[in-house]
Amino acid sequence: MANFLFVLSRDENDAATRCFQFAKIAHSQGHKVDVFLIDSGVLWADKTRDTTVKTTTGDSVSDYLPYLVENEIPIYV
């Protein structure tokens, strides 16, 4: 088991989607995961934000973030 630290520093949908996707993948494979939101990335802590905006690959933050919340993955702001 490895430890993963994901840092999101941008307020960009594609960057956020990948960050949360990789965090979900790592955790689902049994690794310890922590996520830090810094700089403009802290805007993703807004619970009223629309997380359903699709990326160019057709997925969105809402495809991954609920898993992280349900599995109590630490997300630091």
PDB file of N, CA and C in Angstrom:
ATOM      1  N   MET A   1       0.847  -1.179   0.000  1.00  0.00           N
ATOM      2  CA  MET A   1       0.000   0.000   0.000  1.00  0.00           C
ATOM      3  C   MET A   1       0.892   1.241   0.000  1.00  0.00           C
ATOM      4  N   ALA A   2       0.579   2.189  -0.849  1.00  0.00           N
ATOM      5  CA  ALA A   2       1.328   3.436  -0.961  1.00  0.00           C
ATOM      6  C   ALA A   2       0.487   4.599  -0.443  1.00  0.00           C
ATOM      7  N   ASN A   3       1.150   5.709  -0.181  1.00  0.00           N
ATOM      8  CA  ASN A   3       0.476   6.944   0.209  1.00  0.00           C
ATOM      9  C   ASN A   3       0.485   7.892  -0.975  1.00  0.00           C
ATOM     10  N   PHE A   4      -0.673   8.462  -1.284  1.00  0.00           N
ATOM     11  CA  PHE A   4      -0.780   9.405  -2.385  1.00  0.00           C
ATOM     12  C   PHE A   4      -1.275  10.740  -1.859  1.00  0.00           C
ATOM     13  N   LEU A   5      -0.660  11.820  -2.334  1.00  0.00           N
ATOM     14  CA  LEU A   5      -1.084  13.167  -2.023  1.00  0.00           C
ATOM     15  C   LEU A   5      -1.399  13.860  -3.339  1.00  0.00           C
ATOM     16  N   PHE A   6      -2.645  14.288  -3.498  1.00  0.00           N
ATOM     17  CA  PHE A   6      -3.064  14.996  -4.702  1.00  0.00           C
ATOM     18  C   PHE A   6      -3.297  16.456  -4.328  1.00  0.00           C
ATOM     19  N   VAL A   7      -2.722  17.361  -5.115  1.00  0.00           N
ATOM     20  CA  VAL A   7      -2.827  18.793  -4.860  1.00  0.00           C
ATOM     21  C   VAL A   7      -3.517  19.436  -6.053  1.00  0.00           C
ATOM     22  N   LEU A   8      -4.614  20.116  -5.776  1.00  0.00           N
ATOM     23  CA  LEU A   8      -5.349  20.831  -6.817  1.00  0.00           C
ATOM     24  C   LEU A   8      -5.188  22.320  -6.549  1.00  0.00           C
ATOM     25  N   SER A   9      -4.550  23.023  -7.485  1.00  0.00           N
ATOM     26  CA  SER A   9      -4.271  24.442  -7.279  1.00  0.00           C
ATOM     27  C   SER A   9      -4.942  25.338  -8.309  1.00  0.00           C
ATOM     28  N   ARG A  10      -5.760  24.748  -9.181  1.00  0.00           N
ATOM     29  CA  ARG A  10      -6.391  25.548 -10.243  1.00  0.00           C
ATOM     30  C   ARG A  10      -7.910  25.412 -10.190  1.00  0.00           C
ATOM     31  N   ASP A  11      -8.557  26.466 -10.612  1.00  0.00           N
ATOM     32  CA  ASP A  11     -10.016  26.465 -10.710  1.00  0.00           C
ATOM     33  C   ASP A  11     -10.402  26.112 -12.145  1.00  0.00           C
ATOM     34  N   GLU A  12      -9.993  24.940 -12.576  1.00  0.00           N
ATOM     35  CA  GLU A  12     -10.294  24.460 -13.927  1.00  0.00           C
ATOM     36  C   GLU A  12     -10.996  23.114 -13.822  1.00  0.00           C
ATOM     37  N   ASN A  13     -12.069  22.976 -14.566  1.00  0.00           N
ATOM     38  CA  ASN A  13     -12.863  21.758 -14.508  1.00  0.00           C
ATOM     39  C   ASN A  13     -12.053  20.518 -14.881  1.00  0.00           C
ATOM     40  N   ASP A  14     -11.264  20.599 -15.939  1.00  0.00           N
ATOM     41  CA  ASP A  14     -10.480  19.431 -16.360  1.00  0.00           C
ATOM     42  C   ASP A  14      -9.471  19.023 -15.284  1.00  0.00           C
ATOM     43  N   ALA A  15      -8.785  19.999 -14.705  1.00  0.00           N
ATOM     44  CA  ALA A  15      -7.786  19.703 -13.669  1.00  0.00           C
ATOM     45  C   ALA A  15      -8.446  19.078 -12.443  1.00  0.00           C
ATOM     46  N   ALA A  16      -9.578  19.615 -12.030  1.00  0.00           N
ATOM     47  CA  ALA A  16     -10.289  19.088 -10.867  1.00  0.00           C
ATOM     48  C   ALA A  16     -10.794  17.670 -11.132  1.00  0.00           C
ATOM     49  N   THR A  17     -11.331  17.462 -12.310  1.00  0.00           N
ATOM     50  CA  THR A  17     -11.846  16.129 -12.651  1.00  0.00           C
ATOM     51  C   THR A  17     -10.733  15.101 -12.590  1.00  0.00           C
ATOM     52  N   ARG A  18      -9.565  15.401 -13.169  1.00  0.00           N
ATOM     53  CA  ARG A  18      -8.449  14.451 -13.143  1.00  0.00           C
ATOM     54  C   ARG A  18      -7.935  14.225 -11.728  1.00  0.00           C
ATOM     55  N   CYS A  19      -7.838  15.293 -10.954  1.00  0.00           N
ATOM     56  CA  CYS A  19      -7.371  15.160  -9.575  1.00  0.00           C
ATOM     57  C   CYS A  19      -8.259  14.195  -8.790  1.00  0.00           C
ATOM     58  N   PHE A  20      -9.564  14.420  -8.853  1.00  0.00           N
ATOM     59  CA  PHE A  20     -10.489  13.571  -8.115  1.00  0.00           C
ATOM     60  C   PHE A  20     -10.566  12.163  -8.706  1.00  0.00           C
ATOM     61  N   GLN A  21     -10.414  12.048 -10.013  1.00  0.00           N
ATOM     62  CA  GLN A  21     -10.411  10.733 -10.644  1.00  0.00           C
ATOM     63  C   GLN A  21      -9.212   9.914 -10.167  1.00  0.00           C
ATOM     64  N   PHE A  22      -8.032  10.508 -10.189  1.00  0.00           N
ATOM     65  CA  PHE A  22      -6.831   9.780  -9.775  1.00  0.00           C
ATOM     66  C   PHE A  22      -6.883   9.431  -8.289  1.00  0.00           C
ATOM     67  N   ALA A  23      -7.447  10.325  -7.485  1.00  0.00           N
ATOM     68  CA  ALA A  23      -7.601  10.033  -6.059  1.00  0.00           C
ATOM     69  C   ALA A  23      -8.533   8.842  -5.850  1.00  0.00           C
ATOM     70  N   LYS A  24      -9.618   8.807  -6.611  1.00  0.00           N
ATOM     71  CA  LYS A  24     -10.553   7.688  -6.500  1.00  0.00           C
ATOM     72  C   LYS A  24      -9.898   6.378  -6.927  1.00  0.00           C
ATOM     73  N   ILE A  25      -9.171   6.408  -8.029  1.00  0.00           N
ATOM     74  CA  ILE A  25      -8.511   5.194  -8.522  1.00  0.00           C
ATOM     75  C   ILE A  25      -7.514   4.682  -7.494  1.00  0.00           C
ATOM     76  N   ALA A  26      -6.681   5.567  -6.971  1.00  0.00           N
ATOM     77  CA  ALA A  26      -5.669   5.155  -5.995  1.00  0.00           C
ATOM     78  C   ALA A  26      -6.326   4.555  -4.759  1.00  0.00           C
ATOM     79  N   HIS A  27      -7.361   5.210  -4.243  1.00  0.00           N
ATOM     80  CA  HIS A  27      -8.035   4.688  -3.048  1.00  0.00           C
ATOM     81  C   HIS A  27      -8.711   3.352  -3.323  1.00  0.00           C
ATOM     82  N   SER A  28      -9.354   3.233  -4.468  1.00  0.00           N
ATOM     83  CA  SER A  28     -10.070   1.982  -4.770  1.00  0.00           C
ATOM     84  C   SER A  28      -9.112   0.811  -4.952  1.00  0.00           C
ATOM     85  N   GLN A  29      -7.828   1.112  -5.178  1.00  0.00           N
ATOM     86  CA  GLN A  29      -6.821   0.060  -5.280  1.00  0.00           C
ATOM     87  C   GLN A  29      -6.123  -0.196  -3.939  1.00  0.00           C
ATOM     88  N   GLY A  30      -6.667   0.396  -2.879  1.00  0.00           N
ATOM     89  CA  GLY A  30      -6.185   0.106  -1.536  1.00  0.00           C
ATOM     90  C   GLY A  30      -5.124   1.044  -0.993  1.00  0.00           C
ATOM     91  N   HIS A  31      -4.870   2.136  -1.666  1.00  0.00           N
ATOM     92  CA  HIS A  31      -3.847   3.072  -1.219  1.00  0.00           C
ATOM     93  C   HIS A  31      -4.448   4.149  -0.320  1.00  0.00           C
ATOM     94  N   LYS A  32      -3.608   4.734   0.536  1.00  0.00           N
ATOM     95  CA  LYS A  32      -4.023   5.854   1.367  1.00  0.00           C
ATOM     96  C   LYS A  32      -3.946   7.118   0.521  1.00  0.00           C
ATOM     97  N   VAL A  33      -4.994   7.924   0.581  1.00  0.00           N
ATOM     98  CA  VAL A  33      -5.096   9.112  -0.274  1.00  0.00           C
ATOM     99  C   VAL A  33      -5.454  10.333   0.568  1.00  0.00           C
ATOM    100  N   ASP A  34      -4.787  11.443   0.279  1.00  0.00           N
ATOM    101  CA  ASP A  34      -5.130  12.748   0.821  1.00  0.00           C
ATOM    102  C   ASP A  34      -5.211  13.722  -0.351  1.00  0.00           C
ATOM    103  N   VAL A  35      -6.132  14.683  -0.258  1.00  0.00           N
ATOM    104  CA  VAL A  35      -6.292  15.700  -1.295  1.00  0.00           C
ATOM    105  C   VAL A  35      -6.157  17.070  -0.634  1.00  0.00           C
ATOM    106  N   PHE A  36      -5.341  17.933  -1.229  1.00  0.00           N
ATOM    107  CA  PHE A  36      -5.192  19.307  -0.761  1.00  0.00           C
ATOM    108  C   PHE A  36      -5.691  20.254  -1.840  1.00  0.00           C
ATOM    109  N   LEU A  37      -6.525  21.197  -1.448  1.00  0.00           N
ATOM    110  CA  LEU A  37      -6.976  22.260  -2.338  1.00  0.00           C
ATOM    111  C   LEU A  37      -6.231  23.523  -1.933  1.00  0.00           C
ATOM    112  N   ILE A  38      -5.449  24.078  -2.856  1.00  0.00           N
ATOM    113  CA  ILE A  38      -4.687  25.285  -2.568  1.00  0.00           C
ATOM    114  C   ILE A  38      -4.924  26.315  -3.665  1.00  0.00           C
ATOM    115  N   ASP A  39      -4.509  27.535  -3.413  1.00  0.00           N
ATOM    116  CA  ASP A  39      -4.634  28.635  -4.380  1.00  0.00           C
ATOM    117  C   ASP A  39      -6.060  28.667  -4.942  1.00  0.00           C
ATOM    118  N   SER A  40      -6.218  28.700  -6.252  1.00  0.00           N
ATOM    119  CA  SER A  40      -7.552  28.760  -6.863  1.00  0.00           C
ATOM    120  C   SER A  40      -8.324  27.450  -6.715  1.00  0.00           C
ATOM    121  N   GLY A  41      -7.635  26.387  -6.370  1.00  0.00           N
ATOM    122  CA  GLY A  41      -8.304  25.103  -6.178  1.00  0.00           C
ATOM    123  C   GLY A  41      -9.272  25.090  -5.011  1.00  0.00           C
ATOM    124  N   VAL A  42      -9.119  26.037  -4.073  1.00  0.00           N
ATOM    125  CA  VAL A  42     -10.030  26.074  -2.931  1.00  0.00           C
ATOM    126  C   VAL A  42     -11.463  26.375  -3.351  1.00  0.00           C
ATOM    127  N   LEU A  43     -11.641  26.911  -4.541  1.00  0.00           N
ATOM    128  CA  LEU A  43     -12.994  27.195  -5.019  1.00  0.00           C
ATOM    129  C   LEU A  43     -13.811  25.912  -5.212  1.00  0.00           C
ATOM    130  N   TRP A  44     -13.139  24.777  -5.301  1.00  0.00           N
ATOM    131  CA  TRP A  44     -13.845  23.492  -5.432  1.00  0.00           C
ATOM    132  C   TRP A  44     -14.440  23.022  -4.106  1.00  0.00           C
ATOM    133  N   ALA A  45     -14.147  23.720  -3.013  1.00  0.00           N
ATOM    134  CA  ALA A  45     -14.730  23.374  -1.716  1.00  0.00           C
ATOM    135  C   ALA A  45     -16.144  23.917  -1.552  1.00  0.00           C
ATOM    136  N   ASP A  46     -16.599  24.726  -2.484  1.00  0.00           N
ATOM    137  CA  ASP A  46     -17.938  25.301  -2.451  1.00  0.00           C
ATOM    138  C   ASP A  46     -18.964  24.207  -2.764  1.00  0.00           C
ATOM    139  N   LYS A  47     -19.755  23.850  -1.775  1.00  0.00           N
ATOM    140  CA  LYS A  47     -20.727  22.761  -1.942  1.00  0.00           C
ATOM    141  C   LYS A  47     -21.843  23.092  -2.926  1.00  0.00           C
ATOM    142  N   THR A  48     -22.025  24.372  -3.252  1.00  0.00           N
ATOM    143  CA  THR A  48     -23.077  24.757  -4.194  1.00  0.00           C
ATOM    144  C   THR A  48     -22.572  24.789  -5.636  1.00  0.00           C
ATOM    145  N   ARG A  49     -21.323  24.502  -5.842  1.00  0.00           N
ATOM    146  CA  ARG A  49     -20.726  24.557  -7.174  1.00  0.00           C
ATOM    147  C   ARG A  49     -21.286  23.448  -8.069  1.00  0.00           C
ATOM    148  N   ASP A  50     -21.454  23.754  -9.331  1.00  0.00           N
ATOM    149  CA  ASP A  50     -21.926  22.766 -10.305  1.00  0.00           C
ATOM    150  C   ASP A  50     -20.772  21.831 -10.657  1.00  0.00           C
ATOM    151  N   THR A  51     -20.865  20.601 -10.216  1.00  0.00           N
ATOM    152  CA  THR A  51     -19.806  19.620 -10.476  1.00  0.00           C
ATOM    153  C   THR A  51     -20.161  18.691 -11.638  1.00  0.00           C
ATOM    154  N   THR A  52     -21.226  19.016 -12.367  1.00  0.00           N
ATOM    155  CA  THR A  52     -21.659  18.151 -13.460  1.00  0.00           C
ATOM    156  C   THR A  52     -21.149  18.609 -14.821  1.00  0.00           C
ATOM    157  N   VAL A  53     -20.365  19.684 -14.851  1.00  0.00           N
ATOM    158  CA  VAL A  53     -19.829  20.191 -16.121  1.00  0.00           C
ATOM    159  C   VAL A  53     -18.878  19.145 -16.702  1.00  0.00           C
ATOM    160  N   LYS A  54     -19.123  18.757 -17.942  1.00  0.00           N
ATOM    161  CA  LYS A  54     -18.344  17.697 -18.581  1.00  0.00           C
ATOM    162  C   LYS A  54     -17.004  18.206 -19.097  1.00  0.00           C
ATOM    163  N   THR A  55     -15.993  17.351 -19.037  1.00  0.00           N
ATOM    164  CA  THR A  55     -14.697  17.636 -19.635  1.00  0.00           C
ATOM    165  C   THR A  55     -14.759  17.222 -21.109  1.00  0.00           C
ATOM    166  N   THR A  56     -13.666  17.422 -21.818  1.00  0.00           N
ATOM    167  CA  THR A  56     -13.629  17.025 -23.226  1.00  0.00           C
ATOM    168  C   THR A  56     -13.718  15.519 -23.389  1.00  0.00           C
ATOM    169  N   THR A  57     -13.418  14.769 -22.321  1.00  0.00           N
ATOM    170  CA  THR A  57     -13.516  13.307 -22.388  1.00  0.00           C
ATOM    171  C   THR A  57     -14.870  12.787 -21.920  1.00  0.00           C
ATOM    172  N   GLY A  58     -15.761  13.705 -21.520  1.00  0.00           N
ATOM    173  CA  GLY A  58     -17.124  13.314 -21.187  1.00  0.00           C
ATOM    174  C   GLY A  58     -17.390  12.988 -19.730  1.00  0.00           C
ATOM    175  N   ASP A  59     -16.383  13.060 -18.882  1.00  0.00           N
ATOM    176  CA  ASP A  59     -16.632  12.823 -17.458  1.00  0.00           C
ATOM    177  C   ASP A  59     -16.640  14.155 -16.727  1.00  0.00           C
ATOM    178  N   SER A  60     -16.932  14.106 -15.441  1.00  0.00           N
ATOM    179  CA  SER A  60     -17.031  15.340 -14.661  1.00  0.00           C
ATOM    180  C   SER A  60     -16.612  15.078 -13.224  1.00  0.00           C
ATOM    181  N   VAL A  61     -16.455  16.152 -12.470  1.00  0.00           N
ATOM    182  CA  VAL A  61     -16.104  16.046 -11.056  1.00  0.00           C
ATOM    183  C   VAL A  61     -17.125  15.181 -10.322  1.00  0.00           C
ATOM    184  N   SER A  62     -18.392  15.312 -10.691  1.00  0.00           N
ATOM    185  CA  SER A  62     -19.444  14.558 -10.001  1.00  0.00           C
ATOM    186  C   SER A  62     -19.348  13.052 -10.229  1.00  0.00           C
ATOM    187  N   ASP A  63     -18.523  12.619 -11.170  1.00  0.00           N
ATOM    188  CA  ASP A  63     -18.301  11.182 -11.364  1.00  0.00           C
ATOM    189  C   ASP A  63     -17.358  10.613 -10.312  1.00  0.00           C
ATOM    190  N   TYR A  64     -16.586  11.464  -9.623  1.00  0.00           N
ATOM    191  CA  TYR A  64     -15.540  10.991  -8.718  1.00  0.00           C
ATOM    192  C   TYR A  64     -15.635  11.541  -7.296  1.00  0.00           C
ATOM    193  N   LEU A  65     -16.027  12.792  -7.153  1.00  0.00           N
ATOM    194  CA  LEU A  65     -16.046  13.415  -5.832  1.00  0.00           C
ATOM    195  C   LEU A  65     -16.980  12.721  -4.838  1.00  0.00           C
ATOM    196  N   PRO A  66     -18.168  12.290  -5.218  1.00  0.00           N
ATOM    197  CA  PRO A  66     -19.027  11.599  -4.245  1.00  0.00           C
ATOM    198  C   PRO A  66     -18.358  10.355  -3.640  1.00  0.00           C
ATOM    199  N   TYR A  67     -17.597   9.620  -4.428  1.00  0.00           N
ATOM    200  CA  TYR A  67     -16.872   8.453  -3.908  1.00  0.00           C
ATOM    201  C   TYR A  67     -15.906   8.881  -2.806  1.00  0.00           C
ATOM    202  N   LEU A  68     -15.180   9.971  -3.043  1.00  0.00           N
ATOM    203  CA  LEU A  68     -14.207  10.444  -2.059  1.00  0.00           C
ATOM    204  C   LEU A  68     -14.896  10.862  -0.769  1.00  0.00           C
ATOM    205  N   VAL A  69     -16.023  11.548  -0.890  1.00  0.00           N
ATOM    206  CA  VAL A  69     -16.771  11.988   0.285  1.00  0.00           C
ATOM    207  C   VAL A  69     -17.335  10.782   1.036  1.00  0.00           C
ATOM    208  N   GLU A  70     -17.935   9.849   0.322  1.00  0.00           N
ATOM    209  CA  GLU A  70     -18.533   8.666   0.944  1.00  0.00           C
ATOM    210  C   GLU A  70     -17.494   7.820   1.667  1.00  0.00           C
ATOM    211  N   ASN A  71     -16.283   7.781   1.133  1.00  0.00           N
ATOM    212  CA  ASN A  71     -15.215   6.976   1.740  1.00  0.00           C
ATOM    213  C   ASN A  71     -14.328   7.779   2.675  1.00  0.00           C
ATOM    214  N   GLU A  72     -14.793   8.992   3.010  1.00  0.00           N
ATOM    215  CA  GLU A  72     -14.143   9.857   3.985  1.00  0.00           C
ATOM    216  C   GLU A  72     -12.667  10.103   3.680  1.00  0.00           C
ATOM    217  N   ILE A  73     -12.373  10.317   2.394  1.00  0.00           N
ATOM    218  CA  ILE A  73     -11.025  10.681   1.991  1.00  0.00           C
ATOM    219  C   ILE A  73     -10.789  12.119   2.474  1.00  0.00           C
ATOM    220  N   PRO A  74      -9.712  12.375   3.192  1.00  0.00           N
ATOM    221  CA  PRO A  74      -9.457  13.747   3.671  1.00  0.00           C
ATOM    222  C   PRO A  74      -9.235  14.714   2.503  1.00  0.00           C
ATOM    223  N   ILE A  75     -10.001  15.791   2.509  1.00  0.00           N
ATOM    224  CA  ILE A  75      -9.818  16.855   1.534  1.00  0.00           C
ATOM    225  C   ILE A  75      -9.560  18.124   2.346  1.00  0.00           C
ATOM    226  N   TYR A  76      -8.330  18.587   2.280  1.00  0.00           N
ATOM    227  CA  TYR A  76      -7.895  19.729   3.074  1.00  0.00           C
ATOM    228  C   TYR A  76      -7.978  21.015   2.242  1.00  0.00           C
ATOM    229  N   VAL A  77      -8.390  22.081   2.901  1.00  0.00           N
ATOM    230  CA  VAL A  77      -8.474  23.384   2.243  1.00  0.00           C
ATOM    231  C   VAL A  77      -7.589  24.347   3.003  1.00  0.00           C
TER     232      VAL A  77
END
